[in-house]
Amino acid sequence: MASGLTGVVLAGAVLAGCFTGQRPSFESTEPLPTETGNADIDAVLERLDSVSGSVFSADYDILTKMGNVDSTATVVQARPDRRSITINDIRFLYDDAAVATCELTSGECEATINDARVSNVSLGHEFYGPSFAQRLRVDASRRVAEPRGYTITQAGQQALCVDVPVTGGTVTYCALDNGALARYDGADLFIEMTETSDAVDETKFATS
């Protein structure tokens, strides 16, 4: 099987008959205001919204609380249109106009982004920034008390955090200065960045 995305895109013509229709989404697509009006929430949102302009690599530990399932993830972003997100053995690849979802153990890829492949983890591939910015906006609209902003050290970096009280508990979001999600703690998931750097690991763009 071709190791680059070009081969995956060519193979997509063969796979197209098997993968039709809109892909399932595991993140809210509800349109919400860019700013919430709360300074602590908006400061974290500003970081999460800016992640596409950063160059970084980051490793994560993920706990899916329902079922007590442990997972790992790696995000490598070389530029806005070239990035790799690996959740367990599923890798999501963007390289200019080419995209792919690959199972690393078999080397099999489909020429689309298919979040259903990680549905057991209960999060989508954009968890490191865009989709959790959307989550934070939803929680901001549902808050039942004043949020609390503060800073922590995560993966050796300073992260800006906000605790958002919602019905049933408090949800925590933290982001680094480069915009990457550093920590999330909610009713469904606990995510923490364990390591990060400005280097781009090219091996994370392989399809197997």
N, C-alpha and C. Protein backbone atom coordinates (compact mmCIF):
# COMPACT_ATOMS: atom_id res chain seq x y z
N MET A 1 0.84 -1.18 0.00
CA MET A 1 0.00 0.00 0.00
C MET A 1 0.88 1.24 0.00
N ALA A 2 0.44 2.28 -0.73
CA ALA A 2 1.24 3.49 -0.80
C ALA A 2 1.36 4.10 0.58
N SER A 3 2.55 4.65 0.88
CA SER A 3 2.78 5.20 2.20
C SER A 3 2.32 6.64 2.31
N GLY A 4 2.16 7.36 1.21
CA GLY A 4 1.77 8.75 1.25
C GLY A 4 0.30 8.94 0.99
N LEU A 5 -0.17 10.18 1.18
CA LEU A 5 -1.59 10.46 0.98
C LEU A 5 -1.99 10.42 -0.48
N THR A 6 -1.04 10.62 -1.40
CA THR A 6 -1.40 10.55 -2.81
C THR A 6 -1.97 9.19 -3.15
N GLY A 7 -1.33 8.15 -2.64
CA GLY A 7 -1.83 6.81 -2.90
C GLY A 7 -3.18 6.58 -2.27
N VAL A 8 -3.40 7.19 -1.10
CA VAL A 8 -4.68 7.04 -0.43
C VAL A 8 -5.79 7.68 -1.24
N VAL A 9 -5.52 8.88 -1.79
CA VAL A 9 -6.53 9.57 -2.58
C VAL A 9 -6.86 8.78 -3.83
N LEU A 10 -5.84 8.21 -4.49
CA LEU A 10 -6.10 7.39 -5.66
C LEU A 10 -6.93 6.18 -5.30
N ALA A 11 -6.63 5.59 -4.14
CA ALA A 11 -7.40 4.43 -3.71
C ALA A 11 -8.82 4.81 -3.36
N GLY A 12 -9.06 6.09 -3.10
CA GLY A 12 -10.40 6.53 -2.74
C GLY A 12 -11.41 6.27 -3.81
N ALA A 13 -10.98 6.24 -5.08
CA ALA A 13 -11.91 5.97 -6.17
C ALA A 13 -12.47 4.56 -6.03
N VAL A 14 -11.65 3.64 -5.54
CA VAL A 14 -12.09 2.27 -5.34
C VAL A 14 -12.98 2.19 -4.10
N LEU A 15 -12.62 2.96 -3.05
CA LEU A 15 -13.35 2.88 -1.80
C LEU A 15 -14.66 3.64 -1.83
N ALA A 16 -14.82 4.53 -2.82
CA ALA A 16 -15.97 5.42 -2.82
C ALA A 16 -17.29 4.68 -2.79
N GLY A 17 -17.34 3.52 -3.43
CA GLY A 17 -18.58 2.77 -3.46
C GLY A 17 -18.95 2.23 -2.10
N CYS A 18 -17.96 2.11 -1.20
CA CYS A 18 -18.22 1.55 0.13
C CYS A 18 -18.49 2.63 1.16
N PHE A 19 -18.02 3.86 0.93
CA PHE A 19 -18.14 4.92 1.92
C PHE A 19 -18.92 6.07 1.30
N THR A 20 -20.23 6.07 1.49
CA THR A 20 -21.08 7.11 0.92
C THR A 20 -21.89 7.74 2.02
N GLY A 21 -22.41 8.94 1.74
CA GLY A 21 -23.26 9.62 2.71
C GLY A 21 -22.45 10.42 3.71
N GLN A 22 -23.16 11.21 4.52
CA GLN A 22 -22.51 12.07 5.50
C GLN A 22 -21.98 11.25 6.66
N ARG A 23 -20.77 11.57 7.10
CA ARG A 23 -20.16 10.86 8.21
C ARG A 23 -20.80 11.25 9.53
N PRO A 24 -20.88 10.31 10.47
CA PRO A 24 -21.41 10.66 11.78
C PRO A 24 -20.52 11.70 12.45
N SER A 25 -21.10 12.60 13.21
CA SER A 25 -20.35 13.61 13.94
C SER A 25 -20.53 13.38 15.43
N PHE A 26 -19.44 13.50 16.17
CA PHE A 26 -19.50 13.29 17.61
C PHE A 26 -19.28 14.59 18.36
N GLU A 27 -19.28 15.71 17.65
CA GLU A 27 -19.15 17.02 18.26
C GLU A 27 -20.31 17.89 17.85
N SER A 28 -20.70 18.83 18.71
CA SER A 28 -21.80 19.72 18.41
C SER A 28 -21.46 20.63 17.24
N THR A 29 -22.42 20.85 16.34
CA THR A 29 -22.24 21.80 15.24
C THR A 29 -23.16 23.00 15.43
N GLU A 30 -23.73 23.14 16.63
CA GLU A 30 -24.63 24.24 16.93
C GLU A 30 -23.87 25.57 16.82
N PRO A 31 -24.37 26.53 15.99
CA PRO A 31 -23.68 27.82 15.87
C PRO A 31 -23.81 28.62 17.15
N LEU A 32 -22.69 29.14 17.63
CA LEU A 32 -22.68 29.91 18.86
C LEU A 32 -21.81 31.15 18.65
N PRO A 33 -22.01 32.19 19.47
CA PRO A 33 -21.21 33.41 19.31
C PRO A 33 -19.72 33.14 19.52
N THR A 34 -18.88 33.92 18.84
CA THR A 34 -17.43 33.77 18.99
C THR A 34 -17.00 34.05 20.41
N GLU A 35 -17.59 35.10 21.03
CA GLU A 35 -17.27 35.45 22.40
C GLU A 35 -18.49 35.21 23.28
N THR A 36 -18.23 34.88 24.55
CA THR A 36 -19.32 34.56 25.47
C THR A 36 -19.68 35.71 26.39
N GLY A 37 -18.81 36.72 26.47
CA GLY A 37 -19.04 37.82 27.39
C GLY A 37 -18.40 37.63 28.75
N ASN A 38 -17.83 36.45 28.99
CA ASN A 38 -17.10 36.20 30.23
C ASN A 38 -15.62 36.20 29.93
N ALA A 39 -14.86 37.04 30.62
CA ALA A 39 -13.44 37.23 30.29
C ALA A 39 -12.62 35.95 30.48
N ASP A 40 -12.91 35.18 31.52
CA ASP A 40 -12.12 33.96 31.78
C ASP A 40 -12.38 32.91 30.70
N ILE A 41 -13.63 32.73 30.30
CA ILE A 41 -13.95 31.78 29.24
C ILE A 41 -13.37 32.25 27.92
N ASP A 42 -13.56 33.53 27.62
CA ASP A 42 -13.11 34.04 26.32
C ASP A 42 -11.60 34.00 26.17
N ALA A 43 -10.86 34.11 27.27
CA ALA A 43 -9.40 34.03 27.20
C ALA A 43 -8.95 32.64 26.78
N VAL A 44 -9.62 31.59 27.31
CA VAL A 44 -9.28 30.23 26.91
C VAL A 44 -9.76 29.97 25.48
N LEU A 45 -10.95 30.47 25.14
CA LEU A 45 -11.46 30.31 23.78
C LEU A 45 -10.53 30.95 22.75
N GLU A 46 -9.99 32.11 23.07
CA GLU A 46 -9.08 32.78 22.13
C GLU A 46 -7.88 31.90 21.82
N ARG A 47 -7.39 31.20 22.82
CA ARG A 47 -6.26 30.28 22.59
C ARG A 47 -6.69 29.09 21.73
N LEU A 48 -7.77 28.43 22.12
CA LEU A 48 -8.22 27.26 21.37
C LEU A 48 -8.52 27.61 19.91
N ASP A 49 -9.09 28.78 19.68
CA ASP A 49 -9.42 29.21 18.32
C ASP A 49 -8.19 29.49 17.47
N SER A 50 -7.06 29.73 18.12
CA SER A 50 -5.85 30.12 17.39
C SER A 50 -4.94 28.95 17.05
N VAL A 51 -5.31 27.73 17.42
CA VAL A 51 -4.38 26.60 17.33
C VAL A 51 -3.97 26.29 15.90
N SER A 52 -4.80 26.59 14.91
CA SER A 52 -4.47 26.23 13.53
C SER A 52 -3.24 26.95 13.01
N GLY A 53 -2.85 28.05 13.64
CA GLY A 53 -1.68 28.78 13.20
C GLY A 53 -0.39 28.36 13.86
N SER A 54 -0.42 27.32 14.68
CA SER A 54 0.76 26.91 15.44
C SER A 54 1.43 25.67 14.84
N VAL A 55 2.73 25.54 15.11
CA VAL A 55 3.49 24.35 14.74
C VAL A 55 3.87 23.66 16.04
N PHE A 56 3.43 22.40 16.21
CA PHE A 56 3.68 21.72 17.47
C PHE A 56 3.42 20.23 17.33
N SER A 57 3.94 19.49 18.31
CA SER A 57 3.59 18.08 18.53
C SER A 57 3.14 17.95 19.97
N ALA A 58 2.17 17.09 20.21
CA ALA A 58 1.67 16.90 21.58
C ALA A 58 1.16 15.48 21.76
N ASP A 59 1.45 14.92 22.93
CA ASP A 59 0.94 13.61 23.31
C ASP A 59 -0.10 13.78 24.41
N TYR A 60 -1.12 12.92 24.39
CA TYR A 60 -2.21 13.02 25.35
C TYR A 60 -2.55 11.65 25.93
N ASP A 61 -2.98 11.67 27.18
CA ASP A 61 -3.67 10.54 27.80
C ASP A 61 -5.14 10.90 27.89
N ILE A 62 -6.00 9.94 27.56
CA ILE A 62 -7.44 10.17 27.54
C ILE A 62 -8.13 9.08 28.35
N LEU A 63 -9.03 9.50 29.22
CA LEU A 63 -9.87 8.56 29.96
C LEU A 63 -11.31 8.81 29.54
N THR A 64 -11.93 7.81 28.93
CA THR A 64 -13.37 7.85 28.67
C THR A 64 -14.05 7.28 29.90
N LYS A 65 -14.75 8.15 30.63
CA LYS A 65 -15.23 7.78 31.96
C LYS A 65 -16.29 6.69 31.92
N MET A 66 -17.14 6.71 30.91
CA MET A 66 -18.11 5.62 30.79
C MET A 66 -17.38 4.38 30.28
N GLY A 67 -17.28 3.38 31.11
CA GLY A 67 -16.53 2.19 30.76
C GLY A 67 -15.10 2.20 31.23
N ASN A 68 -14.64 3.38 31.74
CA ASN A 68 -13.28 3.49 32.27
C ASN A 68 -12.25 3.03 31.23
N VAL A 69 -12.32 3.62 30.03
CA VAL A 69 -11.47 3.23 28.90
C VAL A 69 -10.30 4.21 28.78
N ASP A 70 -9.07 3.68 28.83
CA ASP A 70 -7.87 4.51 28.66
C ASP A 70 -7.43 4.50 27.19
N SER A 71 -7.05 5.68 26.68
CA SER A 71 -6.57 5.82 25.31
C SER A 71 -5.39 6.78 25.29
N THR A 72 -4.66 6.76 24.19
CA THR A 72 -3.60 7.73 23.96
C THR A 72 -3.83 8.42 22.63
N ALA A 73 -3.30 9.62 22.52
CA ALA A 73 -3.43 10.39 21.27
C ALA A 73 -2.17 11.20 21.04
N THR A 74 -1.88 11.46 19.78
CA THR A 74 -0.77 12.32 19.38
C THR A 74 -1.25 13.26 18.30
N VAL A 75 -0.92 14.54 18.45
CA VAL A 75 -1.25 15.55 17.45
C VAL A 75 0.05 16.17 16.95
N VAL A 76 0.23 16.20 15.63
CA VAL A 76 1.39 16.85 15.02
C VAL A 76 0.86 17.80 13.96
N GLN A 77 1.20 19.07 14.09
CA GLN A 77 0.75 20.07 13.12
C GLN A 77 1.96 20.81 12.56
N ALA A 78 2.19 20.62 11.26
CA ALA A 78 3.31 21.28 10.59
C ALA A 78 2.90 22.63 10.02
N ARG A 79 1.64 22.76 9.65
CA ARG A 79 1.05 24.00 9.16
C ARG A 79 -0.47 23.77 9.16
N PRO A 80 -1.27 24.81 8.96
CA PRO A 80 -2.72 24.64 9.06
C PRO A 80 -3.28 23.53 8.17
N ASP A 81 -2.71 23.33 6.99
CA ASP A 81 -3.25 22.33 6.07
C ASP A 81 -2.40 21.05 6.03
N ARG A 82 -1.54 20.87 7.03
CA ARG A 82 -0.77 19.62 7.13
C ARG A 82 -0.66 19.22 8.59
N ARG A 83 -1.44 18.23 8.95
CA ARG A 83 -1.46 17.79 10.34
C ARG A 83 -1.86 16.33 10.42
N SER A 84 -1.48 15.73 11.54
CA SER A 84 -1.76 14.32 11.81
C SER A 84 -2.29 14.19 13.22
N ILE A 85 -3.41 13.49 13.36
CA ILE A 85 -4.00 13.24 14.67
C ILE A 85 -4.18 11.73 14.81
N THR A 86 -3.53 11.15 15.79
CA THR A 86 -3.60 9.71 16.01
C THR A 86 -4.27 9.45 17.35
N ILE A 87 -5.34 8.66 17.31
CA ILE A 87 -6.05 8.25 18.52
C ILE A 87 -6.00 6.73 18.56
N ASN A 88 -5.27 6.20 19.53
CA ASN A 88 -4.99 4.76 19.59
C ASN A 88 -4.37 4.31 18.28
N ASP A 89 -5.00 3.43 17.51
CA ASP A 89 -4.40 2.96 16.26
C ASP A 89 -5.06 3.55 15.03
N ILE A 90 -5.83 4.64 15.20
CA ILE A 90 -6.47 5.31 14.07
C ILE A 90 -5.80 6.66 13.85
N ARG A 91 -5.40 6.92 12.61
CA ARG A 91 -4.69 8.16 12.28
C ARG A 91 -5.49 8.96 11.26
N PHE A 92 -5.70 10.24 11.56
CA PHE A 92 -6.38 11.18 10.67
C PHE A 92 -5.32 12.08 10.06
N LEU A 93 -5.28 12.16 8.74
CA LEU A 93 -4.23 12.89 8.04
C LEU A 93 -4.80 13.97 7.13
N TYR A 94 -4.17 15.14 7.20
CA TYR A 94 -4.45 16.25 6.29
C TYR A 94 -3.14 16.65 5.63
N ASP A 95 -3.13 16.72 4.32
CA ASP A 95 -1.94 17.17 3.59
C ASP A 95 -2.41 17.95 2.37
N ASP A 96 -2.51 19.27 2.53
CA ASP A 96 -3.12 20.13 1.52
C ASP A 96 -4.54 19.64 1.23
N ALA A 97 -4.84 19.29 -0.01
CA ALA A 97 -6.21 18.88 -0.35
C ALA A 97 -6.48 17.41 -0.03
N ALA A 98 -5.46 16.65 0.29
CA ALA A 98 -5.62 15.22 0.54
C ALA A 98 -5.92 14.96 2.01
N VAL A 99 -6.87 14.05 2.25
CA VAL A 99 -7.19 13.64 3.60
C VAL A 99 -7.30 12.12 3.64
N ALA A 100 -7.14 11.55 4.84
CA ALA A 100 -7.26 10.10 4.98
C ALA A 100 -7.51 9.75 6.43
N THR A 101 -8.18 8.63 6.63
CA THR A 101 -8.31 7.99 7.93
C THR A 101 -7.72 6.59 7.79
N CYS A 102 -6.69 6.30 8.59
CA CYS A 102 -5.95 5.05 8.43
C CYS A 102 -5.95 4.25 9.73
N GLU A 103 -6.04 2.93 9.57
CA GLU A 103 -5.84 2.02 10.69
C GLU A 103 -4.39 1.57 10.64
N LEU A 104 -3.61 1.95 11.65
CA LEU A 104 -2.17 1.75 11.60
C LEU A 104 -1.78 0.29 11.68
N THR A 105 -2.56 -0.53 12.35
CA THR A 105 -2.18 -1.93 12.49
C THR A 105 -2.28 -2.68 11.16
N SER A 106 -3.23 -2.31 10.33
CA SER A 106 -3.41 -2.99 9.04
C SER A 106 -2.86 -2.19 7.87
N GLY A 107 -2.67 -0.87 8.06
CA GLY A 107 -2.23 -0.02 6.97
C GLY A 107 -3.35 0.34 6.00
N GLU A 108 -4.59 0.00 6.32
CA GLU A 108 -5.72 0.29 5.45
C GLU A 108 -6.22 1.70 5.69
N CYS A 109 -6.47 2.44 4.61
CA CYS A 109 -6.90 3.83 4.69
C CYS A 109 -8.14 4.05 3.85
N GLU A 110 -8.92 5.04 4.23
CA GLU A 110 -10.01 5.53 3.40
C GLU A 110 -9.77 7.02 3.17
N ALA A 111 -10.09 7.49 1.98
CA ALA A 111 -9.77 8.86 1.58
C ALA A 111 -10.84 9.83 2.05
N THR A 112 -11.07 9.84 3.35
CA THR A 112 -12.01 10.74 3.99
C THR A 112 -11.65 10.82 5.46
N ILE A 113 -12.19 11.81 6.16
CA ILE A 113 -12.03 11.88 7.60
C ILE A 113 -13.26 11.25 8.24
N ASN A 114 -13.05 10.17 8.98
CA ASN A 114 -14.13 9.35 9.50
C ASN A 114 -14.01 9.21 11.01
N ASP A 115 -14.66 10.12 11.74
CA ASP A 115 -14.60 10.10 13.20
C ASP A 115 -15.29 8.88 13.80
N ALA A 116 -16.11 8.20 13.02
CA ALA A 116 -16.76 6.99 13.54
C ALA A 116 -15.74 5.93 13.93
N ARG A 117 -14.54 6.01 13.38
CA ARG A 117 -13.52 5.01 13.69
C ARG A 117 -13.03 5.11 15.13
N VAL A 118 -13.30 6.23 15.79
CA VAL A 118 -12.90 6.38 17.19
C VAL A 118 -14.11 6.66 18.07
N SER A 119 -15.27 6.21 17.65
CA SER A 119 -16.49 6.46 18.42
C SER A 119 -16.44 5.86 19.81
N ASN A 120 -15.66 4.80 19.99
CA ASN A 120 -15.56 4.17 21.31
C ASN A 120 -14.86 5.05 22.33
N VAL A 121 -14.12 6.06 21.85
CA VAL A 121 -13.40 6.96 22.75
C VAL A 121 -14.27 8.15 23.15
N SER A 122 -15.35 8.38 22.40
CA SER A 122 -16.32 9.46 22.69
C SER A 122 -15.74 10.85 22.46
N LEU A 123 -14.89 10.99 21.45
CA LEU A 123 -14.46 12.31 21.04
C LEU A 123 -14.05 12.27 19.57
N GLY A 124 -14.01 13.43 18.94
CA GLY A 124 -13.60 13.52 17.55
C GLY A 124 -12.14 13.87 17.41
N HIS A 125 -11.65 13.83 16.17
CA HIS A 125 -10.21 14.01 15.94
C HIS A 125 -9.75 15.44 16.17
N GLU A 126 -10.65 16.41 16.22
CA GLU A 126 -10.26 17.80 16.44
C GLU A 126 -10.34 18.20 17.91
N PHE A 127 -10.26 17.24 18.79
CA PHE A 127 -10.36 17.50 20.23
C PHE A 127 -9.30 18.48 20.71
N TYR A 128 -8.15 18.51 20.08
CA TYR A 128 -7.01 19.30 20.56
C TYR A 128 -7.24 20.81 20.44
N GLY A 129 -8.32 21.24 19.75
CA GLY A 129 -8.58 22.67 19.61
C GLY A 129 -9.99 22.97 19.14
N PRO A 130 -10.28 22.83 17.84
CA PRO A 130 -11.56 23.31 17.29
C PRO A 130 -12.81 22.73 17.95
N SER A 131 -12.88 21.42 18.13
CA SER A 131 -14.11 20.85 18.65
C SER A 131 -14.29 21.14 20.14
N PHE A 132 -13.18 21.29 20.87
CA PHE A 132 -13.34 21.59 22.29
C PHE A 132 -13.55 23.08 22.53
N ALA A 133 -13.18 23.92 21.58
CA ALA A 133 -13.62 25.31 21.63
C ALA A 133 -15.14 25.37 21.50
N GLN A 134 -15.69 24.54 20.61
CA GLN A 134 -17.14 24.48 20.47
C GLN A 134 -17.79 23.95 21.74
N ARG A 135 -17.20 22.93 22.34
CA ARG A 135 -17.73 22.41 23.61
C ARG A 135 -17.74 23.50 24.68
N LEU A 136 -16.66 24.27 24.75
CA LEU A 136 -16.58 25.32 25.77
C LEU A 136 -17.66 26.37 25.53
N ARG A 137 -17.93 26.69 24.29
CA ARG A 137 -19.00 27.66 24.00
C ARG A 137 -20.37 27.11 24.45
N VAL A 138 -20.59 25.82 24.21
CA VAL A 138 -21.85 25.21 24.66
C VAL A 138 -21.95 25.24 26.18
N ASP A 139 -20.88 24.86 26.87
CA ASP A 139 -20.90 24.89 28.33
C ASP A 139 -21.04 26.31 28.86
N ALA A 140 -20.45 27.28 28.17
CA ALA A 140 -20.59 28.67 28.59
C ALA A 140 -22.05 29.11 28.53
N SER A 141 -22.77 28.63 27.53
CA SER A 141 -24.19 29.00 27.39
C SER A 141 -25.06 28.30 28.43
N ARG A 142 -24.52 27.24 29.05
CA ARG A 142 -25.29 26.47 30.03
C ARG A 142 -24.81 26.71 31.46
N ARG A 143 -23.89 27.62 31.66
CA ARG A 143 -23.31 27.81 32.99
C ARG A 143 -24.38 28.27 33.99
N VAL A 144 -24.20 27.80 35.22
CA VAL A 144 -25.18 28.10 36.27
C VAL A 144 -24.57 28.98 37.37
N ALA A 145 -23.28 29.29 37.24
CA ALA A 145 -22.60 30.16 38.21
C ALA A 145 -21.40 30.78 37.50
N GLU A 146 -20.70 31.64 38.20
CA GLU A 146 -19.56 32.34 37.60
C GLU A 146 -18.38 31.39 37.39
N PRO A 147 -17.78 31.41 36.20
CA PRO A 147 -16.58 30.62 35.95
C PRO A 147 -15.39 31.15 36.74
N ARG A 148 -14.36 30.31 36.84
CA ARG A 148 -13.14 30.71 37.56
C ARG A 148 -11.94 30.46 36.66
N GLY A 149 -11.15 31.49 36.42
CA GLY A 149 -9.95 31.38 35.61
C GLY A 149 -8.70 31.26 36.46
N TYR A 150 -7.71 30.52 35.96
CA TYR A 150 -6.46 30.33 36.70
C TYR A 150 -5.44 29.71 35.74
N THR A 151 -4.21 29.53 36.19
CA THR A 151 -3.17 28.91 35.38
C THR A 151 -2.62 27.68 36.09
N ILE A 152 -2.15 26.72 35.29
CA ILE A 152 -1.48 25.53 35.81
C ILE A 152 -0.26 25.26 34.94
N THR A 153 0.56 24.32 35.36
CA THR A 153 1.65 23.81 34.53
C THR A 153 1.24 22.43 34.04
N GLN A 154 1.23 22.27 32.74
CA GLN A 154 0.86 21.00 32.12
C GLN A 154 1.88 20.65 31.06
N ALA A 155 2.41 19.45 31.11
CA ALA A 155 3.44 19.00 30.17
C ALA A 155 4.61 19.98 30.12
N GLY A 156 4.93 20.57 31.27
CA GLY A 156 6.05 21.50 31.36
C GLY A 156 5.78 22.88 30.82
N GLN A 157 4.54 23.17 30.45
CA GLN A 157 4.18 24.47 29.88
C GLN A 157 3.09 25.12 30.72
N GLN A 158 3.05 26.45 30.72
CA GLN A 158 1.99 27.14 31.43
C GLN A 158 0.71 27.08 30.61
N ALA A 159 -0.36 26.70 31.24
CA ALA A 159 -1.66 26.60 30.58
C ALA A 159 -2.66 27.50 31.29
N LEU A 160 -3.51 28.13 30.50
CA LEU A 160 -4.58 28.97 31.02
C LEU A 160 -5.84 28.12 31.12
N CYS A 161 -6.51 28.17 32.28
CA CYS A 161 -7.65 27.30 32.53
C CYS A 161 -8.88 28.10 32.92
N VAL A 162 -10.04 27.46 32.74
CA VAL A 162 -11.28 28.00 33.26
C VAL A 162 -12.15 26.84 33.72
N ASP A 163 -12.72 26.99 34.91
CA ASP A 163 -13.71 26.06 35.44
C ASP A 163 -15.09 26.65 35.19
N VAL A 164 -15.95 25.87 34.52
CA VAL A 164 -17.29 26.34 34.17
C VAL A 164 -18.32 25.50 34.92
N PRO A 165 -19.02 26.09 35.90
CA PRO A 165 -20.06 25.34 36.61
C PRO A 165 -21.28 25.14 35.71
N VAL A 166 -21.70 23.91 35.54
CA VAL A 166 -22.90 23.57 34.77
C VAL A 166 -23.75 22.64 35.63
N THR A 167 -24.96 22.42 35.21
CA THR A 167 -25.82 21.51 35.96
C THR A 167 -25.17 20.13 36.04
N GLY A 168 -24.98 19.64 37.24
CA GLY A 168 -24.37 18.33 37.43
C GLY A 168 -22.91 18.36 37.79
N GLY A 169 -22.27 19.54 37.74
CA GLY A 169 -20.86 19.59 38.10
C GLY A 169 -20.12 20.74 37.45
N THR A 170 -18.80 20.67 37.47
CA THR A 170 -17.93 21.70 36.90
C THR A 170 -17.08 21.09 35.81
N VAL A 171 -16.96 21.80 34.70
CA VAL A 171 -16.16 21.34 33.57
C VAL A 171 -14.92 22.23 33.46
N THR A 172 -13.76 21.61 33.29
CA THR A 172 -12.49 22.33 33.23
C THR A 172 -11.91 22.27 31.83
N TYR A 173 -11.48 23.42 31.33
CA TYR A 173 -10.78 23.53 30.05
C TYR A 173 -9.48 24.29 30.27
N CYS A 174 -8.37 23.77 29.73
CA CYS A 174 -7.08 24.46 29.80
C CYS A 174 -6.43 24.45 28.43
N ALA A 175 -5.76 25.53 28.07
CA ALA A 175 -5.10 25.62 26.77
C ALA A 175 -3.74 26.28 26.92
N LEU A 176 -2.79 25.80 26.10
CA LEU A 176 -1.46 26.41 26.06
C LEU A 176 -1.49 27.72 25.28
N ASP A 177 -0.41 28.45 25.35
CA ASP A 177 -0.29 29.70 24.60
C ASP A 177 -0.40 29.47 23.10
N ASN A 178 0.03 28.29 22.60
CA ASN A 178 -0.05 28.01 21.16
C ASN A 178 -1.44 27.57 20.72
N GLY A 179 -2.37 27.48 21.68
CA GLY A 179 -3.75 27.16 21.35
C GLY A 179 -4.15 25.72 21.57
N ALA A 180 -3.20 24.84 21.82
CA ALA A 180 -3.51 23.42 21.98
C ALA A 180 -4.19 23.16 23.31
N LEU A 181 -5.20 22.28 23.28
CA LEU A 181 -5.84 21.85 24.52
C LEU A 181 -4.80 21.20 25.42
N ALA A 182 -4.73 21.64 26.67
CA ALA A 182 -3.77 21.07 27.62
C ALA A 182 -4.44 20.13 28.61
N ARG A 183 -5.69 20.43 28.96
CA ARG A 183 -6.42 19.59 29.91
C ARG A 183 -7.91 19.83 29.74
N TYR A 184 -8.66 18.74 29.90
CA TYR A 184 -10.12 18.81 29.93
C TYR A 184 -10.60 17.82 30.97
N ASP A 185 -11.53 18.26 31.79
CA ASP A 185 -12.12 17.37 32.78
C ASP A 185 -13.62 17.64 32.82
N GLY A 186 -14.39 16.67 32.31
CA GLY A 186 -15.83 16.80 32.29
C GLY A 186 -16.49 15.51 32.71
N ALA A 187 -17.80 15.46 32.61
CA ALA A 187 -18.53 14.27 33.03
C ALA A 187 -18.21 13.07 32.17
N ASP A 188 -17.81 13.31 30.91
CA ASP A 188 -17.59 12.21 29.96
C ASP A 188 -16.14 11.82 29.79
N LEU A 189 -15.24 12.78 29.89
CA LEU A 189 -13.84 12.55 29.53
C LEU A 189 -12.90 13.27 30.49
N PHE A 190 -11.70 12.70 30.64
CA PHE A 190 -10.58 13.42 31.23
C PHE A 190 -9.43 13.32 30.24
N ILE A 191 -8.93 14.47 29.80
CA ILE A 191 -7.85 14.53 28.81
C ILE A 191 -6.73 15.38 29.39
N GLU A 192 -5.50 14.89 29.31
CA GLU A 192 -4.37 15.72 29.72
C GLU A 192 -3.21 15.53 28.76
N MET A 193 -2.59 16.64 28.41
CA MET A 193 -1.38 16.62 27.60
C MET A 193 -0.23 16.13 28.47
N THR A 194 0.53 15.18 27.96
CA THR A 194 1.64 14.63 28.73
C THR A 194 3.00 15.10 28.24
N GLU A 195 3.08 15.52 26.99
CA GLU A 195 4.35 15.98 26.43
C GLU A 195 4.06 16.86 25.22
N THR A 196 4.88 17.88 25.01
CA THR A 196 4.71 18.74 23.84
C THR A 196 6.04 19.34 23.44
N SER A 197 6.15 19.71 22.17
CA SER A 197 7.36 20.38 21.66
C SER A 197 7.00 21.14 20.40
N ASP A 198 7.94 21.96 19.95
CA ASP A 198 7.77 22.71 18.70
C ASP A 198 8.24 21.91 17.50
N ALA A 199 8.77 20.71 17.72
CA ALA A 199 9.29 19.88 16.63
C ALA A 199 8.16 19.14 15.93
N VAL A 200 8.35 18.86 14.64
CA VAL A 200 7.38 18.10 13.85
C VAL A 200 7.96 16.71 13.58
N ASP A 201 7.29 15.70 14.08
CA ASP A 201 7.73 14.32 13.91
C ASP A 201 7.13 13.78 12.61
N GLU A 202 7.96 13.68 11.57
CA GLU A 202 7.48 13.26 10.26
C GLU A 202 6.98 11.82 10.26
N THR A 203 7.42 11.00 11.20
CA THR A 203 6.94 9.62 11.23
C THR A 203 5.45 9.55 11.53
N LYS A 204 4.88 10.61 12.10
CA LYS A 204 3.47 10.61 12.43
C LYS A 204 2.58 10.87 11.21
N PHE A 205 3.20 11.05 10.05
CA PHE A 205 2.43 11.23 8.82
C PHE A 205 2.41 9.95 7.98
N ALA A 206 2.99 8.88 8.50
CA ALA A 206 2.94 7.60 7.82
C ALA A 206 1.53 7.02 7.94
N THR A 207 1.16 6.16 7.00
CA THR A 207 -0.17 5.57 7.00
C THR A 207 -0.22 4.16 7.59
N SER A 208 0.91 3.71 8.10
CA SER A 208 0.93 2.40 8.77
C SER A 208 2.11 2.36 9.73
